[in-house]
C-alpha atoms as a PDB file:
ATOM      1  CA  MET A   1      24.367  70.275  39.709  1.00  0.00           C
ATOM      2  CA  ASN A   2      23.889  66.770  41.079  1.00  0.00           C
ATOM      3  CA  SER A   3      22.115  63.921  39.342  1.00  0.00           C
ATOM      4  CA  ILE A   4      20.027  61.392  41.260  1.00  0.00           C
ATOM      5  CA  VAL A   5      20.449  57.794  40.142  1.00  0.00           C
ATOM      6  CA  ASP A   6      17.672  55.418  41.206  1.00  0.00           C
ATOM      7  CA  LEU A   7      19.337  52.081  41.944  1.00  0.00           C
ATOM      8  CA  ASP A   8      15.941  50.399  42.233  1.00  0.00           C
ATOM      9  CA  SER A   9      15.182  51.198  38.589  1.00  0.00           C
ATOM     10  CA  ASP A  10      15.752  48.645  35.823  1.00  0.00           C
ATOM     11  CA  GLN A  11      17.437  51.424  33.831  1.00  0.00           C
ATOM     12  CA  CYS A  12      20.469  51.140  36.147  1.00  0.00           C
ATOM     13  CA  SER A  13      21.022  47.558  35.035  1.00  0.00           C
ATOM     14  CA  PHE A  14      19.957  44.634  37.123  1.00  0.00           C
ATOM     15  CA  ASP A  15      22.981  44.999  39.402  1.00  0.00           C
ATOM     16  CA  PRO A  16      23.206  48.305  41.321  1.00  0.00           C
ATOM     17  CA  LEU A  17      26.857  47.559  42.130  1.00  0.00           C
ATOM     18  CA  GLU A  18      27.661  47.763  38.414  1.00  0.00           C
ATOM     19  CA  ALA A  19      25.899  51.112  38.172  1.00  0.00           C
ATOM     20  CA  ILE A  20      27.880  52.469  41.144  1.00  0.00           C
ATOM     21  CA  GLU A  21      31.171  51.185  39.690  1.00  0.00           C
ATOM     22  CA  TYR A  22      30.394  52.887  36.396  1.00  0.00           C
ATOM     23  CA  LEU A  23      29.530  56.223  38.032  1.00  0.00           C
ATOM     24  CA  LYS A  24      31.797  56.288  41.098  1.00  0.00           C
ATOM     25  CA  ASP A  25      34.468  58.447  39.424  1.00  0.00           C
ATOM     26  CA  LYS A  26      31.851  61.177  39.122  1.00  0.00           C
ATOM     27  CA  LYS A  27      30.959  60.804  42.795  1.00  0.00           C
ATOM     28  CA  GLU A  28      30.831  64.522  43.570  1.00  0.00           C
ATOM     29  CA  TYR A  29      28.070  64.936  40.994  1.00  0.00           C
ATOM     30  CA  VAL A  30      26.010  61.810  41.628  1.00  0.00           C
ATOM     31  CA  ILE A  31      23.532  61.081  44.401  1.00  0.00           C
ATOM     32  CA  PHE A  32      22.237  57.539  44.532  1.00  0.00           C
ATOM     33  CA  LYS A  33      18.881  56.480  45.909  1.00  0.00           C
ATOM     34  CA  ILE A  34      17.841  52.997  46.942  1.00  0.00           C
ATOM     35  CA  SER A  35      15.081  51.355  48.911  1.00  0.00           C
ATOM     36  CA  MET A  36      15.983  49.943  52.326  1.00  0.00           C
ATOM     37  CA  ASN A  37      14.295  46.740  51.101  1.00  0.00           C
ATOM     38  CA  ASN A  38      16.655  46.318  48.146  1.00  0.00           C
ATOM     39  CA  PRO A  39      18.758  43.172  48.730  1.00  0.00           C
ATOM     40  CA  PHE A  40      21.816  44.880  47.182  1.00  0.00           C
ATOM     41  CA  LEU A  41      21.918  47.536  49.918  1.00  0.00           C
ATOM     42  CA  ARG A  42      23.837  45.252  52.290  1.00  0.00           C
ATOM     43  CA  ASP A  43      26.488  44.582  49.612  1.00  0.00           C
ATOM     44  CA  ILE A  44      26.750  48.291  48.794  1.00  0.00           C
ATOM     45  CA  LYS A  45      27.303  49.135  52.481  1.00  0.00           C
ATOM     46  CA  ARG A  46      30.023  46.465  52.728  1.00  0.00           C
ATOM     47  CA  LYS A  47      31.880  47.621  49.635  1.00  0.00           C
ATOM     48  CA  TYR A  48      31.610  51.428  49.918  1.00  0.00           C
ATOM     49  CA  PHE A  49      31.603  54.093  52.572  1.00  0.00           C
ATOM     50  CA  LEU A  50      28.257  55.850  52.202  1.00  0.00           C
ATOM     51  CA  GLN A  51      27.612  59.480  52.982  1.00  0.00           C
ATOM     52  CA  ILE A  52      23.886  59.535  53.786  1.00  0.00           C
ATOM     53  CA  ILE A  53      22.281  62.661  52.354  1.00  0.00           C
ATOM     54  CA  LYS A  54      18.678  62.000  53.332  1.00  0.00           C
ATOM     55  CA  VAL A  55      16.335  59.248  54.465  1.00  0.00           C
ATOM     56  CA  ASP A  56      12.806  59.636  53.129  1.00  0.00           C
ATOM     57  CA  GLY A  57      10.639  56.838  54.489  1.00  0.00           C
ATOM     58  CA  GLU A  58      12.076  53.627  53.024  1.00  0.00           C
ATOM     59  CA  ILE A  59      14.338  55.463  50.541  1.00  0.00           C
ATOM     60  CA  ILE A  60      17.972  56.335  51.291  1.00  0.00           C
ATOM     61  CA  TYR A  61      19.784  59.056  49.325  1.00  0.00           C
ATOM     62  CA  PHE A  62      23.579  58.796  49.494  1.00  0.00           C
ATOM     63  CA  LYS A  63      26.920  59.626  47.934  1.00  0.00           C
ATOM     64  CA  ILE A  64      29.970  57.375  47.713  1.00  0.00           C
ATOM     65  CA  GLN A  65      33.037  58.633  49.549  1.00  0.00           C
END
């Protein structure tokens, strides 16, 4: 079963890149979601290859490959 981690939430720390680094080893079990308006999205796209699962309005669901 996959877990969805909301990178826009304050519970994921204030830096979504830190949250991804912490969880990336469990990448087959984790789906991340982030708003297209989140300023960290550009950095995430530069650092990781994203497998887009779904786009729901302004929200992107993805896995790290």
